[in-house]
N, C-alpha and C. Protein backbone atom coordinates (compact mmCIF):
# COMPACT_ATOMS: atom_id res chain seq x y z
N MET A 1 -40.85 -20.73 16.77
CA MET A 1 -39.53 -20.64 16.03
C MET A 1 -39.99 -21.30 14.43
N ILE A 2 -39.06 -20.54 13.67
CA ILE A 2 -39.15 -21.03 12.21
C ILE A 2 -37.82 -21.65 11.90
N VAL A 3 -37.68 -22.73 11.50
CA VAL A 3 -36.71 -23.49 10.91
C VAL A 3 -36.73 -23.55 9.17
N ALA A 4 -35.20 -22.91 8.65
CA ALA A 4 -34.94 -23.20 7.18
C ALA A 4 -33.82 -23.83 7.35
N HIS A 5 -33.81 -24.75 6.04
CA HIS A 5 -32.27 -25.52 5.96
C HIS A 5 -32.10 -24.80 4.29
N LEU A 6 -30.77 -24.35 4.73
CA LEU A 6 -30.38 -23.86 3.78
C LEU A 6 -29.06 -24.69 3.04
N PRO A 7 -28.78 -24.34 1.69
CA PRO A 7 -27.38 -24.81 1.14
C PRO A 7 -26.50 -25.02 1.84
N ASP A 8 -25.35 -25.98 1.60
CA ASP A 8 -24.13 -26.24 2.05
C ASP A 8 -24.29 -26.69 3.54
N GLY A 9 -25.31 -27.25 3.84
CA GLY A 9 -25.24 -28.08 5.38
C GLY A 9 -25.55 -27.11 6.23
N VAL A 10 -26.60 -26.03 6.26
CA VAL A 10 -27.04 -25.13 7.40
C VAL A 10 -28.25 -25.04 7.76
N CYS A 11 -28.72 -25.05 8.98
CA CYS A 11 -29.70 -25.17 9.45
C CYS A 11 -29.91 -23.72 10.14
N ARG A 12 -30.88 -22.75 9.83
CA ARG A 12 -30.72 -21.68 10.40
C ARG A 12 -32.34 -21.51 10.82
N ILE A 13 -32.48 -21.37 12.50
CA ILE A 13 -33.76 -21.20 13.33
C ILE A 13 -33.68 -19.71 13.88
N ARG A 14 -34.96 -19.00 13.68
CA ARG A 14 -35.35 -17.83 14.33
C ARG A 14 -36.14 -17.93 15.05
N ILE A 15 -35.64 -17.47 16.32
CA ILE A 15 -36.68 -17.61 17.51
C ILE A 15 -37.61 -16.43 17.73
N THR A 16 -39.03 -16.95 17.56
CA THR A 16 -40.08 -16.26 17.60
C THR A 16 -40.95 -15.81 18.93
N THR A 17 -40.62 -16.94 19.83
CA THR A 17 -41.30 -16.44 20.92
C THR A 17 -40.32 -16.59 22.43
N GLU A 18 -39.85 -15.78 22.82
CA GLU A 18 -39.08 -16.16 24.25
C GLU A 18 -39.49 -17.05 24.99
N PRO A 19 -40.71 -17.41 25.64
CA PRO A 19 -40.98 -18.52 26.38
C PRO A 19 -40.56 -19.81 25.81
N MET A 20 -40.67 -20.24 25.03
CA MET A 20 -40.34 -21.39 24.28
C MET A 20 -38.78 -21.56 24.45
N PHE A 21 -38.24 -20.24 24.01
CA PHE A 21 -36.61 -20.46 24.04
C PHE A 21 -35.88 -20.85 25.23
N SER A 22 -36.79 -20.38 26.20
CA SER A 22 -36.36 -20.62 27.80
C SER A 22 -36.89 -22.10 28.29
N ARG A 23 -37.54 -22.85 27.80
CA ARG A 23 -37.89 -24.06 28.04
C ARG A 23 -37.50 -25.33 27.64
N SER A 24 -37.53 -26.09 28.63
CA SER A 24 -36.82 -27.62 28.29
C SER A 24 -36.57 -28.28 27.30
N GLU A 25 -37.83 -28.24 26.86
CA GLU A 25 -38.05 -28.66 25.56
C GLU A 25 -37.54 -27.89 24.17
N PHE A 26 -37.04 -27.08 24.36
CA PHE A 26 -36.34 -26.10 23.23
C PHE A 26 -35.33 -27.04 22.63
N VAL A 27 -34.52 -27.38 23.24
CA VAL A 27 -32.97 -28.31 23.01
C VAL A 27 -33.14 -29.60 22.03
N PRO A 28 -34.40 -30.24 22.49
CA PRO A 28 -34.65 -31.68 21.39
C PRO A 28 -35.21 -31.07 20.15
N LEU A 29 -36.16 -29.89 20.38
CA LEU A 29 -36.95 -29.28 19.34
C LEU A 29 -35.85 -28.78 18.37
N VAL A 30 -35.03 -28.20 18.65
CA VAL A 30 -33.58 -27.61 18.09
C VAL A 30 -33.03 -28.46 17.16
N LEU A 31 -32.57 -29.72 18.15
CA LEU A 31 -31.43 -30.63 17.78
C LEU A 31 -32.06 -31.71 16.50
N GLU A 32 -33.62 -31.83 16.88
CA GLU A 32 -34.20 -32.58 15.83
C GLU A 32 -34.80 -31.87 14.76
N SER A 33 -34.65 -30.59 14.48
CA SER A 33 -35.02 -29.62 13.55
C SER A 33 -34.02 -29.74 12.20
N MET A 34 -32.30 -30.23 12.48
CA MET A 34 -31.41 -30.50 11.79
C MET A 34 -31.84 -31.67 10.90
N LEU A 35 -31.28 -31.53 9.92
CA LEU A 35 -31.29 -32.72 8.98
C LEU A 35 -30.32 -33.09 8.94
N GLU A 36 -30.05 -34.78 8.28
CA GLU A 36 -28.87 -35.38 8.54
C GLU A 36 -27.67 -34.86 7.73
N GLY A 37 -26.82 -34.81 8.26
CA GLY A 37 -25.54 -34.04 7.42
C GLY A 37 -25.53 -32.37 7.34
N GLU A 38 -26.25 -32.24 8.35
CA GLU A 38 -26.31 -30.37 8.63
C GLU A 38 -25.18 -30.22 9.42
N ARG A 39 -24.47 -29.21 9.06
CA ARG A 39 -22.88 -29.44 10.32
C ARG A 39 -23.17 -27.95 10.87
N ARG A 40 -23.85 -26.86 10.06
CA ARG A 40 -24.04 -25.94 10.91
C ARG A 40 -25.34 -25.09 11.39
N LEU A 41 -25.26 -24.53 12.38
CA LEU A 41 -26.84 -24.22 13.18
C LEU A 41 -26.66 -22.88 13.46
N ILE A 42 -27.55 -21.97 12.70
CA ILE A 42 -27.33 -20.43 12.82
C ILE A 42 -28.72 -20.29 13.76
N ILE A 43 -28.71 -19.59 14.65
CA ILE A 43 -29.77 -19.20 15.63
C ILE A 43 -29.98 -17.87 15.70
N ASP A 44 -31.07 -17.36 15.29
CA ASP A 44 -31.17 -15.92 15.13
C ASP A 44 -31.93 -15.55 16.23
N LEU A 45 -31.39 -14.48 17.21
CA LEU A 45 -32.02 -13.95 18.27
C LEU A 45 -32.28 -12.80 18.30
N GLY A 46 -32.59 -12.18 17.09
CA GLY A 46 -33.07 -11.05 17.11
C GLY A 46 -34.32 -10.22 17.51
N LEU A 47 -35.32 -11.57 17.86
CA LEU A 47 -36.84 -11.09 18.28
C LEU A 47 -36.49 -11.24 19.92
N VAL A 48 -35.34 -11.82 20.55
CA VAL A 48 -35.14 -11.81 21.98
C VAL A 48 -34.75 -10.71 22.55
N SER A 49 -35.61 -10.15 23.33
CA SER A 49 -35.40 -8.94 24.11
C SER A 49 -34.41 -9.23 25.31
N MET A 50 -34.31 -10.27 25.89
CA MET A 50 -33.62 -10.84 27.22
C MET A 50 -32.82 -11.98 27.16
N LEU A 51 -32.00 -12.41 27.26
CA LEU A 51 -31.33 -13.46 27.55
C LEU A 51 -31.56 -13.83 28.87
N HIS A 52 -31.94 -15.02 29.59
CA HIS A 52 -32.24 -15.15 30.82
C HIS A 52 -31.56 -16.56 31.06
N SER A 53 -31.29 -16.79 32.43
CA SER A 53 -30.57 -18.21 32.86
C SER A 53 -31.17 -19.28 31.83
N PRO A 54 -32.28 -19.55 31.90
CA PRO A 54 -32.73 -20.99 31.03
C PRO A 54 -32.27 -20.84 29.65
N SER A 55 -32.43 -19.52 28.75
CA SER A 55 -32.34 -19.64 27.66
C SER A 55 -30.72 -19.82 27.30
N LEU A 56 -29.70 -19.40 28.35
CA LEU A 56 -28.24 -19.36 27.93
C LEU A 56 -27.80 -20.76 28.47
N ALA A 57 -28.41 -21.61 29.40
CA ALA A 57 -28.24 -22.92 29.46
C ALA A 57 -28.50 -23.61 28.35
N ASN A 58 -29.62 -23.38 27.52
CA ASN A 58 -30.27 -24.03 26.54
C ASN A 58 -29.13 -23.85 25.47
N LEU A 59 -28.69 -22.71 25.36
CA LEU A 59 -27.77 -22.55 24.26
C LEU A 59 -26.30 -23.06 24.63
N VAL A 60 -26.25 -23.51 25.74
CA VAL A 60 -24.72 -24.23 26.13
C VAL A 60 -25.27 -25.47 26.14
N THR A 61 -26.31 -26.41 26.15
CA THR A 61 -26.62 -27.39 26.22
C THR A 61 -26.67 -27.81 24.43
N ILE A 62 -26.94 -27.02 23.51
CA ILE A 62 -26.83 -27.04 22.05
C ILE A 62 -25.51 -27.06 21.45
N HIS A 63 -24.79 -26.22 22.25
CA HIS A 63 -23.67 -26.11 21.77
C HIS A 63 -22.91 -27.33 22.14
N ILE A 64 -22.98 -27.81 23.16
CA ILE A 64 -22.07 -29.24 23.41
C ILE A 64 -22.82 -30.28 22.80
N ALA A 65 -24.37 -30.29 22.49
CA ALA A 65 -24.42 -31.63 21.51
C ALA A 65 -24.16 -31.34 20.02
N LEU A 66 -24.06 -29.96 19.73
CA LEU A 66 -23.51 -29.90 18.30
C LEU A 66 -22.01 -30.20 18.02
N ALA A 67 -20.89 -29.73 19.09
CA ALA A 67 -19.58 -30.22 19.47
C ALA A 67 -19.47 -31.74 19.48
N LYS A 68 -20.40 -32.51 19.54
CA LYS A 68 -20.32 -34.11 19.70
C LYS A 68 -20.34 -34.64 18.50
N ARG A 69 -21.07 -33.35 17.59
CA ARG A 69 -21.54 -34.19 15.91
C ARG A 69 -20.64 -33.46 15.51
N SER A 70 -19.60 -32.85 15.55
CA SER A 70 -18.62 -32.15 14.84
C SER A 70 -19.51 -30.93 13.97
N SER A 71 -20.59 -30.23 14.70
CA SER A 71 -21.40 -29.31 14.41
C SER A 71 -20.99 -28.04 14.83
N GLU A 72 -21.14 -26.94 14.05
CA GLU A 72 -21.08 -25.71 14.72
C GLU A 72 -22.26 -24.81 15.00
N LEU A 73 -22.48 -24.20 16.31
CA LEU A 73 -23.52 -23.27 16.35
C LEU A 73 -22.90 -21.86 16.56
N ILE A 74 -23.97 -21.07 15.67
CA ILE A 74 -23.56 -19.68 15.41
C ILE A 74 -24.51 -18.75 15.74
N LEU A 75 -24.77 -17.92 16.61
CA LEU A 75 -25.55 -16.74 17.29
C LEU A 75 -25.66 -15.82 16.21
N THR A 76 -26.83 -15.46 15.83
CA THR A 76 -27.04 -13.81 14.95
C THR A 76 -27.88 -13.04 15.82
N GLY A 77 -28.01 -11.74 15.27
CA GLY A 77 -29.10 -10.99 15.67
C GLY A 77 -29.03 -10.64 17.13
N LEU A 78 -28.28 -10.61 17.76
CA LEU A 78 -28.07 -10.26 19.32
C LEU A 78 -28.14 -8.88 19.19
N HIS A 79 -29.27 -8.45 20.31
CA HIS A 79 -29.37 -7.05 20.51
C HIS A 79 -27.84 -6.72 21.40
N GLU A 80 -27.92 -5.61 21.46
CA GLU A 80 -26.77 -4.40 22.18
C GLU A 80 -26.63 -5.49 23.82
N LYS A 81 -27.84 -5.35 24.47
CA LYS A 81 -27.77 -6.03 25.87
C LYS A 81 -27.64 -7.45 26.01
N ASN A 82 -28.21 -8.12 24.86
CA ASN A 82 -27.76 -9.50 25.03
C ASN A 82 -26.77 -9.87 24.63
N LEU A 83 -25.89 -9.57 24.00
CA LEU A 83 -24.16 -9.41 23.74
C LEU A 83 -23.44 -8.97 24.59
N ARG A 84 -23.65 -7.89 25.53
CA ARG A 84 -23.34 -7.59 27.02
C ARG A 84 -23.23 -9.05 27.84
N ILE A 85 -24.77 -9.35 27.96
CA ILE A 85 -24.89 -10.37 29.08
C ILE A 85 -23.60 -11.67 28.56
N LEU A 86 -23.71 -11.80 27.23
CA LEU A 86 -22.75 -12.97 26.88
C LEU A 86 -21.45 -12.55 27.27
N GLU A 87 -20.96 -11.45 27.19
CA GLU A 87 -19.46 -11.05 27.94
C GLU A 87 -19.47 -11.04 28.92
N ILE A 88 -20.40 -10.69 29.69
CA ILE A 88 -20.06 -10.56 31.03
C ILE A 88 -20.31 -11.95 31.57
N THR A 89 -20.97 -13.05 31.38
CA THR A 89 -21.09 -14.37 31.41
C THR A 89 -19.75 -15.33 30.67
N LYS A 90 -19.36 -14.30 29.81
CA LYS A 90 -17.73 -14.87 29.14
C LYS A 90 -18.21 -16.19 28.16
N LEU A 91 -19.83 -16.12 28.10
CA LEU A 91 -20.05 -16.90 26.93
C LEU A 91 -20.09 -16.39 25.54
N ASP A 92 -19.59 -15.52 25.57
CA ASP A 92 -18.85 -14.87 24.27
C ASP A 92 -17.71 -15.87 23.72
N ARG A 93 -16.87 -16.31 24.59
CA ARG A 93 -15.68 -17.30 24.17
C ARG A 93 -15.97 -18.50 23.67
N LEU A 94 -17.28 -19.02 24.13
CA LEU A 94 -18.12 -19.99 23.93
C LEU A 94 -18.40 -20.31 22.20
N PHE A 95 -19.07 -19.37 22.00
CA PHE A 95 -20.02 -19.08 20.70
C PHE A 95 -19.40 -18.37 19.97
N THR A 96 -19.69 -18.81 18.56
CA THR A 96 -19.45 -17.71 17.26
C THR A 96 -20.61 -16.99 17.19
N ILE A 97 -19.96 -15.80 17.16
CA ILE A 97 -21.66 -14.42 17.34
C ILE A 97 -20.97 -13.85 15.90
N GLN A 98 -21.90 -13.53 15.07
CA GLN A 98 -22.30 -13.17 13.87
C GLN A 98 -23.03 -12.07 13.75
N GLN A 99 -22.66 -10.80 13.86
CA GLN A 99 -23.75 -9.68 13.92
C GLN A 99 -23.94 -8.94 12.60
N GLY A 100 -25.35 -8.86 12.35
CA GLY A 100 -25.65 -8.35 10.80
C GLY A 100 -25.94 -9.64 9.96
N ALA A 101 -25.87 -10.81 10.50
CA ALA A 101 -25.90 -12.03 9.44
C ALA A 101 -27.32 -12.43 9.33
């Protein structure tokens, strides 16, 4: 995973390996990557070919943890089939999705 700290309190993470994205260690790594005061987390899923149950669970866990901090999770770079998975599971209603960001 590649982490970038951007201006205006934004942390951007690009997922580079799908196996890591599905592992339980992923959530603490992501939350620890955010600097104090960052209020937006953008996770770029452009290299993720398929969202599986463990990766969806990790995204929900991150969303809940960020909501408790009054922070926002934004998903970007979703392939069409991954966007469809979010729609089928109705998780597209939970997450903020930005295509082309």
